N, C-alpha and C. Protein backbone atom coordinates (compact mmCIF):
# COMPACT_ATOMS: atom_id res chain seq x y z
N THR A 1 86.69 121.54 102.88
CA THR A 1 86.59 120.42 101.96
C THR A 1 87.97 120.08 101.42
N LEU A 2 88.13 118.82 101.07
CA LEU A 2 89.40 118.37 100.49
C LEU A 2 89.42 118.67 99.00
N ALA A 3 90.59 118.99 98.50
CA ALA A 3 90.76 119.24 97.07
C ALA A 3 92.14 118.76 96.65
N VAL A 4 92.26 118.26 95.43
CA VAL A 4 93.54 117.80 94.91
C VAL A 4 94.43 119.01 94.63
N THR A 5 95.61 119.05 95.23
CA THR A 5 96.55 120.14 94.99
C THR A 5 97.70 119.71 94.08
N ASP A 6 97.97 118.41 94.00
CA ASP A 6 99.05 117.92 93.15
C ASP A 6 98.87 116.42 92.98
N TYR A 7 99.50 115.86 91.95
CA TYR A 7 99.38 114.42 91.72
C TYR A 7 100.44 113.98 90.72
N PHE A 8 100.60 112.66 90.60
CA PHE A 8 101.44 112.06 89.56
C PHE A 8 100.68 110.92 88.92
N THR A 9 100.66 110.90 87.61
CA THR A 9 100.11 109.80 86.83
C THR A 9 101.11 109.43 85.75
N MET A 10 101.38 108.15 85.59
CA MET A 10 102.35 107.69 84.59
C MET A 10 101.90 108.05 83.18
N SER A 11 102.86 108.36 82.32
CA SER A 11 102.53 108.73 80.94
C SER A 11 101.89 107.56 80.19
N GLY A 12 102.22 106.33 80.57
CA GLY A 12 101.66 105.16 79.90
C GLY A 12 100.55 104.50 80.69
N GLU A 13 99.84 105.26 81.50
CA GLU A 13 98.88 104.65 82.43
C GLU A 13 97.73 103.94 81.73
N ILE A 14 97.30 104.39 80.54
CA ILE A 14 96.21 103.71 79.84
C ILE A 14 96.63 102.31 79.42
N VAL A 15 97.81 102.20 78.83
CA VAL A 15 98.32 100.89 78.39
C VAL A 15 98.55 99.99 79.59
N GLU A 16 99.15 100.52 80.65
CA GLU A 16 99.44 99.70 81.82
C GLU A 16 98.16 99.23 82.49
N SER A 17 97.16 100.10 82.57
CA SER A 17 95.89 99.71 83.18
C SER A 17 95.18 98.65 82.34
N THR A 18 95.21 98.82 81.03
CA THR A 18 94.58 97.85 80.13
C THR A 18 95.20 96.47 80.27
N ASN A 19 96.51 96.45 80.47
CA ASN A 19 97.24 95.18 80.57
C ASN A 19 97.38 94.69 82.02
N ASP A 20 96.61 95.29 82.94
CA ASP A 20 96.69 94.93 84.35
C ASP A 20 98.12 95.00 84.85
N ASN A 21 98.78 96.11 84.50
CA ASN A 21 100.19 96.28 84.83
C ASN A 21 100.39 97.61 85.56
N ASP A 22 99.41 97.96 86.40
CA ASP A 22 99.34 99.30 86.98
C ASP A 22 100.08 99.40 88.31
N LEU A 23 99.99 100.58 88.92
CA LEU A 23 100.66 100.84 90.19
C LEU A 23 99.86 100.39 91.41
N GLY A 24 98.63 99.95 91.22
CA GLY A 24 97.74 99.71 92.35
C GLY A 24 98.15 98.63 93.30
N SER A 25 99.11 97.78 92.93
CA SER A 25 99.49 96.67 93.80
C SER A 25 100.46 97.07 94.89
N GLY A 26 101.16 98.19 94.73
CA GLY A 26 102.19 98.57 95.69
C GLY A 26 101.82 99.81 96.46
N GLY A 27 102.41 99.95 97.64
CA GLY A 27 102.15 101.11 98.49
C GLY A 27 103.17 102.21 98.27
N VAL A 28 102.84 103.40 98.76
CA VAL A 28 103.73 104.56 98.69
C VAL A 28 104.37 104.79 100.06
N MET A 29 105.65 105.14 100.06
CA MET A 29 106.35 105.43 101.31
C MET A 29 106.93 106.85 101.24
N LEU A 30 106.66 107.65 102.27
CA LEU A 30 107.25 108.97 102.39
C LEU A 30 108.64 108.84 102.98
N LEU A 31 109.62 109.48 102.36
CA LEU A 31 111.00 109.42 102.84
C LEU A 31 111.28 110.59 103.77
N PRO A 32 112.24 110.44 104.68
CA PRO A 32 112.64 111.59 105.49
C PRO A 32 113.28 112.65 104.59
N ASP A 33 113.39 113.86 105.09
CA ASP A 33 113.98 114.93 104.29
C ASP A 33 115.36 114.52 103.79
N MET A 34 115.60 114.77 102.49
CA MET A 34 116.87 114.41 101.87
C MET A 34 117.52 115.67 101.29
N THR A 35 118.83 115.77 101.41
CA THR A 35 119.57 116.90 100.84
C THR A 35 120.24 116.46 99.55
N ASP A 36 119.99 117.21 98.46
CA ASP A 36 120.55 116.82 97.16
C ASP A 36 121.99 117.33 97.01
N ALA A 37 122.55 117.15 95.82
CA ALA A 37 123.96 117.45 95.59
C ALA A 37 124.29 118.93 95.69
N ILE A 38 123.30 119.81 95.57
CA ILE A 38 123.56 121.25 95.66
C ILE A 38 123.09 121.83 96.99
N GLY A 39 122.73 120.94 97.93
CA GLY A 39 122.38 121.38 99.28
C GLY A 39 120.93 121.74 99.49
N THR A 40 120.06 121.46 98.52
CA THR A 40 118.64 121.73 98.66
C THR A 40 117.94 120.56 99.33
N VAL A 41 117.10 120.83 100.31
CA VAL A 41 116.36 119.78 101.00
C VAL A 41 115.17 119.37 100.13
N ARG A 42 115.05 118.08 99.90
CA ARG A 42 113.98 117.54 99.06
C ARG A 42 113.02 116.71 99.91
N HIS A 43 111.74 116.81 99.59
CA HIS A 43 110.70 116.05 100.26
C HIS A 43 110.17 115.03 99.25
N LEU A 44 110.52 113.78 99.46
CA LEU A 44 110.30 112.77 98.44
C LEU A 44 109.35 111.67 98.91
N ALA A 45 108.77 110.99 97.93
CA ALA A 45 107.98 109.78 98.16
C ALA A 45 108.37 108.76 97.12
N VAL A 46 108.35 107.49 97.49
CA VAL A 46 108.74 106.43 96.57
C VAL A 46 107.63 105.39 96.49
N GLY A 47 107.44 104.85 95.30
CA GLY A 47 106.41 103.83 95.11
C GLY A 47 106.74 102.94 93.93
N ALA A 48 106.08 101.80 93.87
CA ALA A 48 106.27 100.85 92.77
C ALA A 48 105.01 100.00 92.67
N GLY A 49 104.86 99.30 91.55
CA GLY A 49 103.70 98.46 91.36
C GLY A 49 104.01 97.27 90.47
N LYS A 50 103.07 96.95 89.59
CA LYS A 50 103.18 95.72 88.80
C LYS A 50 104.17 95.82 87.65
N ASP A 51 104.54 97.04 87.24
CA ASP A 51 105.40 97.18 86.06
C ASP A 51 106.89 97.00 86.37
N GLY A 52 107.26 96.85 87.64
CA GLY A 52 108.65 96.62 87.99
C GLY A 52 109.51 97.86 88.05
N ASN A 53 108.91 99.04 87.87
CA ASN A 53 109.67 100.29 87.96
C ASN A 53 109.56 100.87 89.37
N ILE A 54 110.56 101.66 89.76
CA ILE A 54 110.49 102.46 90.98
C ILE A 54 110.29 103.92 90.58
N TYR A 55 109.30 104.56 91.18
CA TYR A 55 109.00 105.96 90.89
C TYR A 55 109.27 106.78 92.15
N VAL A 56 110.11 107.80 92.03
CA VAL A 56 110.39 108.71 93.13
C VAL A 56 109.86 110.09 92.73
N VAL A 57 108.96 110.63 93.55
CA VAL A 57 108.37 111.93 93.23
C VAL A 57 108.75 112.95 94.29
N ASN A 58 108.83 114.19 93.84
CA ASN A 58 109.03 115.32 94.73
C ASN A 58 107.67 115.74 95.25
N ARG A 59 107.46 115.64 96.56
CA ARG A 59 106.15 115.94 97.12
C ARG A 59 105.76 117.41 96.99
N ASP A 60 106.73 118.27 96.71
CA ASP A 60 106.44 119.69 96.50
C ASP A 60 106.08 119.98 95.04
N ASN A 61 106.35 119.02 94.15
CA ASN A 61 106.02 119.16 92.73
C ASN A 61 105.99 117.77 92.13
N MET A 62 104.85 117.12 92.19
CA MET A 62 104.77 115.68 91.91
C MET A 62 104.82 115.33 90.43
N GLY A 63 104.64 116.30 89.55
CA GLY A 63 104.84 116.03 88.13
C GLY A 63 103.57 115.90 87.30
N LYS A 64 102.44 115.66 87.96
CA LYS A 64 101.14 115.54 87.27
C LYS A 64 101.23 114.54 86.11
N PHE A 65 100.67 114.88 84.94
CA PHE A 65 100.62 113.94 83.81
C PHE A 65 101.09 114.63 82.54
N THR A 66 101.98 113.95 81.83
CA THR A 66 102.30 114.33 80.46
C THR A 66 102.35 113.06 79.63
N SER A 67 101.91 113.14 78.38
CA SER A 67 101.83 111.94 77.54
C SER A 67 103.18 111.55 76.96
N VAL A 68 104.19 112.41 77.09
CA VAL A 68 105.48 112.15 76.44
C VAL A 68 106.54 111.66 77.42
N GLY A 69 106.22 111.53 78.69
CA GLY A 69 107.19 111.05 79.67
C GLY A 69 106.80 111.46 81.06
N ASN A 70 107.47 110.86 82.04
CA ASN A 70 107.15 111.15 83.44
C ASN A 70 108.04 112.27 83.96
N ASN A 71 107.44 113.36 84.35
CA ASN A 71 108.16 114.52 84.86
C ASN A 71 108.28 114.42 86.38
N ILE A 72 109.12 113.48 86.82
CA ILE A 72 109.25 113.22 88.25
C ILE A 72 110.71 113.31 88.66
N TRP A 73 110.96 113.18 89.98
CA TRP A 73 112.31 113.35 90.50
C TRP A 73 113.25 112.27 89.99
N GLN A 74 112.82 111.01 90.03
CA GLN A 74 113.68 109.91 89.59
C GLN A 74 112.82 108.72 89.21
N GLU A 75 113.25 107.99 88.20
CA GLU A 75 112.56 106.75 87.79
C GLU A 75 113.60 105.69 87.48
N LEU A 76 113.44 104.51 88.07
CA LEU A 76 114.30 103.38 87.80
C LEU A 76 113.46 102.31 87.11
N ASP A 77 113.72 102.09 85.84
CA ASP A 77 112.90 101.18 85.05
C ASP A 77 113.36 99.73 85.18
N ALA A 78 112.39 98.83 85.33
CA ALA A 78 112.60 97.38 85.28
C ALA A 78 113.59 96.86 86.33
N VAL A 79 113.74 97.57 87.44
CA VAL A 79 114.68 97.10 88.47
C VAL A 79 114.03 96.12 89.44
N LEU A 80 112.68 96.00 89.37
CA LEU A 80 111.96 95.12 90.30
C LEU A 80 111.30 93.95 89.58
N GLY A 81 111.81 93.60 88.41
CA GLY A 81 111.38 92.39 87.74
C GLY A 81 109.89 92.28 87.52
N ALA A 82 109.28 91.27 88.13
CA ALA A 82 107.87 90.95 87.90
C ALA A 82 106.92 91.78 88.75
N GLY A 83 107.42 92.81 89.43
CA GLY A 83 106.52 93.73 90.12
C GLY A 83 106.43 93.53 91.62
N VAL A 84 105.74 94.49 92.25
CA VAL A 84 105.67 94.57 93.71
C VAL A 84 104.23 94.56 94.17
N TRP A 85 103.95 93.79 95.24
CA TRP A 85 102.63 93.74 95.88
C TRP A 85 102.79 94.09 97.37
N ALA A 86 103.60 95.07 97.67
CA ALA A 86 103.88 95.43 99.07
C ALA A 86 104.43 96.84 99.11
N THR A 87 104.63 97.32 100.32
CA THR A 87 105.26 98.62 100.56
C THR A 87 106.73 98.40 100.86
N PRO A 88 107.61 99.31 100.44
CA PRO A 88 109.03 99.15 100.76
C PRO A 88 109.30 99.49 102.22
N ALA A 89 110.54 99.25 102.64
CA ALA A 89 111.02 99.66 103.95
C ALA A 89 112.19 100.61 103.76
N TYR A 90 112.40 101.47 104.77
CA TYR A 90 113.52 102.42 104.72
C TYR A 90 114.31 102.31 106.02
N PHE A 91 115.64 102.34 105.88
CA PHE A 91 116.50 102.37 107.07
C PHE A 91 117.86 102.94 106.70
N ASN A 92 118.28 103.98 107.38
CA ASN A 92 119.65 104.48 107.31
C ASN A 92 120.14 104.66 105.87
N PHE A 93 119.36 105.40 105.09
CA PHE A 93 119.70 105.72 103.71
C PHE A 93 119.73 104.50 102.78
N SER A 94 118.89 103.54 103.07
CA SER A 94 118.65 102.43 102.15
C SER A 94 117.16 102.16 102.05
N ILE A 95 116.72 101.77 100.87
CA ILE A 95 115.32 101.41 100.62
C ILE A 95 115.28 99.95 100.21
N TYR A 96 114.34 99.20 100.78
CA TYR A 96 114.28 97.75 100.59
C TYR A 96 112.97 97.39 99.89
N TYR A 97 113.09 96.60 98.81
CA TYR A 97 111.92 96.13 98.06
C TYR A 97 111.98 94.61 97.92
N GLY A 98 110.79 93.98 97.99
CA GLY A 98 110.70 92.53 97.84
C GLY A 98 109.77 92.14 96.70
N PRO A 99 110.21 92.21 95.44
CA PRO A 99 109.33 91.88 94.31
C PRO A 99 109.00 90.40 94.23
N GLN A 100 107.91 90.11 93.55
CA GLN A 100 107.56 88.70 93.36
C GLN A 100 108.52 88.04 92.37
N ARG A 101 108.76 86.75 92.60
CA ARG A 101 109.66 85.95 91.77
C ARG A 101 111.04 86.60 91.64
N GLY A 102 111.47 87.28 92.70
CA GLY A 102 112.78 87.91 92.69
C GLY A 102 113.35 87.96 94.09
N SER A 103 114.57 88.44 94.19
CA SER A 103 115.23 88.53 95.49
C SER A 103 114.80 89.80 96.21
N LEU A 104 114.97 89.81 97.53
CA LEU A 104 114.83 91.01 98.32
C LEU A 104 116.00 91.93 97.98
N LYS A 105 115.72 93.21 97.68
CA LYS A 105 116.74 94.11 97.14
C LYS A 105 116.86 95.37 98.00
N ALA A 106 118.09 95.86 98.12
CA ALA A 106 118.36 97.13 98.80
C ALA A 106 118.92 98.13 97.80
N PHE A 107 118.40 99.36 97.86
CA PHE A 107 118.90 100.46 97.03
C PHE A 107 119.40 101.55 97.98
N SER A 108 120.62 101.99 97.79
CA SER A 108 121.15 103.06 98.64
C SER A 108 120.62 104.41 98.16
N VAL A 109 120.61 105.39 99.08
CA VAL A 109 120.18 106.75 98.76
C VAL A 109 121.34 107.70 99.04
N THR A 110 121.77 108.42 98.00
CA THR A 110 122.85 109.39 98.10
C THR A 110 122.44 110.67 97.40
N ASN A 111 122.59 111.80 98.06
CA ASN A 111 122.20 113.09 97.48
C ASN A 111 120.76 113.06 96.97
N ALA A 112 119.89 112.42 97.73
CA ALA A 112 118.45 112.35 97.44
C ALA A 112 118.13 111.54 96.19
N LEU A 113 119.05 110.68 95.76
CA LEU A 113 118.82 109.82 94.61
C LEU A 113 119.09 108.37 94.98
N LEU A 114 118.24 107.47 94.48
CA LEU A 114 118.46 106.04 94.68
C LEU A 114 119.56 105.55 93.76
N SER A 115 120.28 104.52 94.22
CA SER A 115 121.26 103.88 93.34
C SER A 115 120.54 103.27 92.15
N SER A 116 121.20 103.25 91.01
CA SER A 116 120.55 102.78 89.77
C SER A 116 120.33 101.28 89.75
N SER A 117 120.99 100.56 90.62
CA SER A 117 120.82 99.10 90.74
C SER A 117 120.96 98.73 92.21
N PRO A 118 120.52 97.53 92.59
CA PRO A 118 120.61 97.14 94.00
C PRO A 118 122.04 97.15 94.52
N THR A 119 122.22 97.61 95.75
CA THR A 119 123.53 97.55 96.39
C THR A 119 123.76 96.22 97.08
N SER A 120 122.69 95.50 97.38
CA SER A 120 122.79 94.12 97.85
C SER A 120 121.45 93.45 97.63
N GLN A 121 121.43 92.13 97.62
CA GLN A 121 120.19 91.39 97.46
C GLN A 121 120.33 90.01 98.05
N SER A 122 119.19 89.40 98.36
CA SER A 122 119.17 88.08 98.98
C SER A 122 119.37 87.00 97.93
N SER A 123 119.81 85.84 98.37
CA SER A 123 119.89 84.69 97.46
C SER A 123 118.52 84.05 97.27
N THR A 124 117.65 84.20 98.24
CA THR A 124 116.30 83.64 98.14
C THR A 124 115.49 84.40 97.10
N GLN A 125 114.77 83.67 96.27
CA GLN A 125 113.83 84.25 95.32
C GLN A 125 112.42 84.05 95.89
N PHE A 126 111.70 85.13 96.09
CA PHE A 126 110.41 85.07 96.77
C PHE A 126 109.28 84.90 95.74
N THR A 127 108.47 83.87 95.96
CA THR A 127 107.35 83.61 95.08
C THR A 127 106.26 84.66 95.27
N TYR A 128 105.18 84.57 94.47
CA TYR A 128 104.07 85.52 94.59
C TYR A 128 103.53 85.53 96.02
N PRO A 129 103.25 86.68 96.58
CA PRO A 129 103.35 88.03 96.00
C PRO A 129 104.63 88.77 96.36
N GLY A 130 105.77 88.09 96.45
CA GLY A 130 106.99 88.72 96.92
C GLY A 130 107.01 88.80 98.43
N THR A 131 107.70 89.79 98.97
CA THR A 131 107.79 89.90 100.42
C THR A 131 107.70 91.36 100.85
N PHE A 132 107.21 91.56 102.08
CA PHE A 132 106.98 92.87 102.68
C PHE A 132 108.07 93.08 103.72
N PRO A 133 109.18 93.75 103.40
CA PRO A 133 110.30 93.86 104.35
C PRO A 133 109.97 94.73 105.54
N VAL A 134 110.49 94.33 106.70
CA VAL A 134 110.31 95.08 107.95
C VAL A 134 111.67 95.14 108.65
N ILE A 135 112.00 96.31 109.20
CA ILE A 135 113.31 96.52 109.81
C ILE A 135 113.21 96.54 111.34
N SER A 136 114.15 95.89 112.00
CA SER A 136 114.34 96.08 113.44
C SER A 136 115.79 96.51 113.66
N ALA A 137 116.01 97.38 114.65
CA ALA A 137 117.37 97.86 114.91
C ALA A 137 117.41 98.53 116.28
N ASN A 138 118.60 98.64 116.81
CA ASN A 138 118.86 99.43 118.02
C ASN A 138 119.47 100.75 117.54
N GLU A 139 118.61 101.74 117.27
CA GLU A 139 119.00 102.97 116.58
C GLU A 139 119.60 102.57 115.23
N THR A 140 120.87 102.79 114.97
CA THR A 140 121.45 102.38 113.69
C THR A 140 122.28 101.10 113.80
N ALA A 141 122.26 100.45 114.97
CA ALA A 141 123.05 99.25 115.18
C ALA A 141 122.17 98.00 115.15
N ASN A 142 122.80 96.85 114.90
CA ASN A 142 122.13 95.55 114.94
C ASN A 142 120.88 95.52 114.05
N SER A 143 120.99 96.08 112.89
CA SER A 143 119.83 96.21 112.01
C SER A 143 119.57 94.90 111.27
N ILE A 144 118.29 94.50 111.26
CA ILE A 144 117.85 93.25 110.64
C ILE A 144 116.66 93.55 109.73
N VAL A 145 116.66 92.95 108.55
CA VAL A 145 115.50 92.99 107.66
C VAL A 145 114.78 91.66 107.78
N TRP A 146 113.52 91.71 108.21
CA TRP A 146 112.69 90.51 108.32
C TRP A 146 111.84 90.38 107.07
N ALA A 147 111.74 89.16 106.54
CA ALA A 147 110.99 88.95 105.30
C ALA A 147 110.27 87.61 105.37
N TYR A 148 109.03 87.61 104.92
CA TYR A 148 108.16 86.43 104.97
C TYR A 148 108.09 85.80 103.57
N GLU A 149 108.25 84.49 103.52
CA GLU A 149 108.20 83.77 102.24
C GLU A 149 106.93 82.93 102.17
N ASN A 150 106.12 83.15 101.13
CA ASN A 150 104.82 82.50 100.97
C ASN A 150 105.01 81.12 100.33
N THR A 151 105.51 80.19 101.12
CA THR A 151 105.68 78.80 100.67
C THR A 151 104.95 77.89 101.65
N SER A 152 105.07 76.59 101.47
CA SER A 152 104.46 75.65 102.39
C SER A 152 105.51 74.61 102.80
N PRO A 153 106.05 74.68 104.02
CA PRO A 153 105.67 75.63 105.06
C PRO A 153 106.19 77.04 104.76
N ALA A 154 105.52 78.04 105.37
CA ALA A 154 105.99 79.41 105.26
C ALA A 154 107.36 79.54 105.93
N VAL A 155 108.12 80.56 105.49
CA VAL A 155 109.46 80.76 106.05
C VAL A 155 109.62 82.22 106.46
N LEU A 156 110.12 82.42 107.68
CA LEU A 156 110.52 83.75 108.13
C LEU A 156 112.03 83.86 107.98
N HIS A 157 112.48 84.90 107.24
CA HIS A 157 113.90 85.12 107.01
C HIS A 157 114.36 86.35 107.78
N ALA A 158 115.63 86.34 108.19
CA ALA A 158 116.27 87.51 108.80
C ALA A 158 117.58 87.76 108.07
N TYR A 159 117.73 88.98 107.55
CA TYR A 159 118.93 89.35 106.80
C TYR A 159 119.62 90.54 107.48
N ALA A 160 120.94 90.61 107.31
CA ALA A 160 121.68 91.79 107.75
C ALA A 160 121.27 92.96 106.87
N ALA A 161 120.80 94.05 107.48
CA ALA A 161 120.33 95.19 106.69
C ALA A 161 121.44 95.83 105.87
N THR A 162 122.68 95.70 106.34
CA THR A 162 123.81 96.30 105.62
C THR A 162 124.24 95.48 104.41
N ASN A 163 123.81 94.20 104.35
CA ASN A 163 124.16 93.35 103.22
C ASN A 163 123.17 92.19 103.18
N LEU A 164 122.22 92.26 102.26
CA LEU A 164 121.17 91.25 102.20
C LEU A 164 121.68 89.88 101.76
N ALA A 165 122.90 89.81 101.28
CA ALA A 165 123.48 88.50 100.97
C ALA A 165 123.78 87.70 102.23
N THR A 166 123.80 88.38 103.37
CA THR A 166 124.06 87.71 104.66
C THR A 166 122.73 87.37 105.31
N GLU A 167 122.37 86.10 105.28
CA GLU A 167 121.15 85.65 105.97
C GLU A 167 121.53 85.23 107.38
N LEU A 168 120.90 85.84 108.36
CA LEU A 168 121.20 85.56 109.76
C LEU A 168 120.42 84.38 110.30
N TYR A 169 119.24 84.14 109.71
CA TYR A 169 118.34 83.10 110.25
C TYR A 169 117.22 82.87 109.26
N ASN A 170 116.73 81.64 109.20
CA ASN A 170 115.40 81.40 108.64
C ASN A 170 114.75 80.25 109.39
N SER A 171 113.44 80.23 109.37
CA SER A 171 112.69 79.31 110.23
C SER A 171 112.74 77.87 109.76
N ASN A 172 113.37 77.60 108.62
CA ASN A 172 113.57 76.21 108.19
C ASN A 172 114.91 75.64 108.66
N GLN A 173 115.75 76.47 109.26
CA GLN A 173 117.08 76.02 109.66
C GLN A 173 117.08 75.14 110.91
N ALA A 174 116.14 75.38 111.80
CA ALA A 174 116.16 74.68 113.08
C ALA A 174 115.95 73.17 112.89
N PRO A 175 116.54 72.36 113.74
CA PRO A 175 116.41 70.89 113.60
C PRO A 175 114.98 70.42 113.85
N ASN A 176 114.64 69.34 113.15
CA ASN A 176 113.36 68.65 113.35
C ASN A 176 112.15 69.57 113.15
N GLY A 177 112.29 70.57 112.30
CA GLY A 177 111.16 71.44 112.01
C GLY A 177 110.68 72.26 113.18
N ARG A 178 111.56 72.54 114.15
CA ARG A 178 111.17 73.20 115.38
C ARG A 178 110.49 74.56 115.14
N ASP A 179 110.99 75.33 114.18
CA ASP A 179 110.50 76.69 113.99
C ASP A 179 109.51 76.84 112.85
N GLN A 180 109.10 75.73 112.24
CA GLN A 180 108.11 75.84 111.18
C GLN A 180 106.75 76.19 111.78
N PHE A 181 105.97 77.00 111.04
CA PHE A 181 104.76 77.56 111.67
C PHE A 181 103.55 77.53 110.76
N GLY A 182 103.50 76.59 109.82
CA GLY A 182 102.28 76.42 109.02
C GLY A 182 102.44 76.84 107.59
N ALA A 183 101.35 76.66 106.83
CA ALA A 183 101.34 76.97 105.40
C ALA A 183 101.41 78.48 105.18
N GLY A 184 101.95 78.86 104.02
CA GLY A 184 102.09 80.27 103.70
C GLY A 184 100.76 80.95 103.39
N ASN A 185 100.80 82.26 103.38
CA ASN A 185 99.64 83.07 103.06
C ASN A 185 100.13 84.33 102.35
N LYS A 186 99.24 85.03 101.67
CA LYS A 186 99.61 86.21 100.89
C LYS A 186 99.55 87.48 101.72
N TYR A 187 100.38 88.47 101.32
CA TYR A 187 100.33 89.84 101.84
C TYR A 187 100.59 89.92 103.35
N ILE A 188 101.53 89.12 103.83
CA ILE A 188 101.84 89.10 105.26
C ILE A 188 103.01 90.04 105.54
N ALA A 189 102.86 90.87 106.56
CA ALA A 189 103.94 91.74 107.01
C ALA A 189 104.29 91.37 108.45
N PRO A 190 105.53 90.96 108.72
CA PRO A 190 105.92 90.70 110.10
C PRO A 190 105.82 91.97 110.95
N VAL A 191 105.59 91.78 112.24
CA VAL A 191 105.54 92.89 113.20
C VAL A 191 106.58 92.63 114.27
N VAL A 192 107.41 93.64 114.56
CA VAL A 192 108.45 93.50 115.57
C VAL A 192 108.10 94.36 116.78
N ALA A 193 108.08 93.75 117.96
CA ALA A 193 107.75 94.48 119.19
C ALA A 193 108.31 93.72 120.39
N ASP A 194 108.87 94.44 121.34
CA ASP A 194 109.33 93.87 122.61
C ASP A 194 110.29 92.70 122.41
N GLY A 195 111.17 92.81 121.43
CA GLY A 195 112.16 91.76 121.22
C GLY A 195 111.63 90.50 120.57
N LYS A 196 110.43 90.56 120.02
CA LYS A 196 109.83 89.41 119.36
C LYS A 196 109.35 89.79 117.96
N VAL A 197 109.18 88.78 117.12
CA VAL A 197 108.66 88.97 115.77
C VAL A 197 107.36 88.18 115.65
N PHE A 198 106.29 88.86 115.27
CA PHE A 198 104.96 88.27 115.16
C PHE A 198 104.62 88.09 113.69
N VAL A 199 104.19 86.87 113.32
CA VAL A 199 103.91 86.57 111.93
C VAL A 199 102.56 85.86 111.84
N ALA A 200 101.69 86.35 110.99
CA ALA A 200 100.37 85.74 110.83
C ALA A 200 100.44 84.49 109.96
N THR A 201 99.58 83.54 110.27
CA THR A 201 99.36 82.37 109.41
C THR A 201 97.90 82.42 108.98
N THR A 202 97.44 81.37 108.32
CA THR A 202 96.04 81.35 107.89
C THR A 202 95.07 81.21 109.05
N ASN A 203 95.54 80.72 110.21
CA ASN A 203 94.62 80.51 111.31
C ASN A 203 95.21 80.83 112.68
N SER A 204 96.37 81.53 112.71
CA SER A 204 97.00 81.79 114.00
C SER A 204 98.06 82.86 113.85
N VAL A 205 98.74 83.16 114.93
CA VAL A 205 99.89 84.08 114.91
C VAL A 205 101.09 83.35 115.51
N ALA A 206 102.19 83.31 114.76
CA ALA A 206 103.42 82.71 115.27
C ALA A 206 104.28 83.80 115.90
N VAL A 207 104.90 83.50 117.03
CA VAL A 207 105.73 84.46 117.75
C VAL A 207 107.15 83.91 117.83
N PHE A 208 108.12 84.68 117.35
CA PHE A 208 109.52 84.28 117.35
C PHE A 208 110.30 85.14 118.34
N GLY A 209 111.16 84.51 119.13
CA GLY A 209 111.99 85.24 120.07
C GLY A 209 113.27 84.45 120.35
N LEU A 210 114.15 85.02 121.17
CA LEU A 210 115.41 84.36 121.50
C LEU A 210 115.14 83.12 122.36
N LEU A 211 115.93 82.07 122.14
CA LEU A 211 115.84 80.88 122.99
C LEU A 211 116.39 81.19 124.38
N PRO A 212 115.91 80.47 125.39
CA PRO A 212 116.45 80.65 126.76
C PRO A 212 117.95 80.38 126.78
C-alpha cells in the first residue's frame, strides 16, 4: 500500500487557499542532481502557483508544515508576478517560467540554488494563463525556448535559451499572415519532434518546420 513519507505545505496555506491564491495552478518539476557549495549532492524539486513565489524543496527532506515559516531548501518570493498556470522547463542549469501577465523568465542555478532574480527575460508580456516553455536543442548547442501566446491570432515564439531577450522567431513576423494559425487557447504546450514544432489550436494542430 502507498503511504505518505514526506511532504511540504506552505505556512500560509489556509489564507492562500481562502483567497484562491494556492499552488494548485502550477506543476512540479524534478531537477537533476545538483551539487551545493560544500560538495553535497542535493535532490531537488521546484514548483510555483498563483502566489508568484518559487518554492524549491529538498526531496530527501521536504520540510512538511510549520505555521511560522517554510522550512524548505529555497524560496523566492514574488518573482513570478501574477502567478503561474504551467510547469517550468529546465535546460543546462537554467529554469524557465512563463507567468501570466508577465515576461518569460530564466533563472540560473549555481551550487544548487536559483538566482534571486531572472538572468534574462523576454520583451513579450504573456496574457492569461502565461506560457508553458518547451526547450529544443542539439545536446547543449542551438538551444531554443518555444513559448505559446494566448492571443487572437495565437503566436508561437522562439527565444535563444541563453538570453530570452533575443527572439529568434514568432509566427506573426512572416509576410501576409503566412504563419498565423488561428485563435488562441489556454494551457497549450508546444511539442518538438523530428525537427518540427506541433501546436494545438481550438480545432486543429499547427505544424511548424523549416522552409524549403
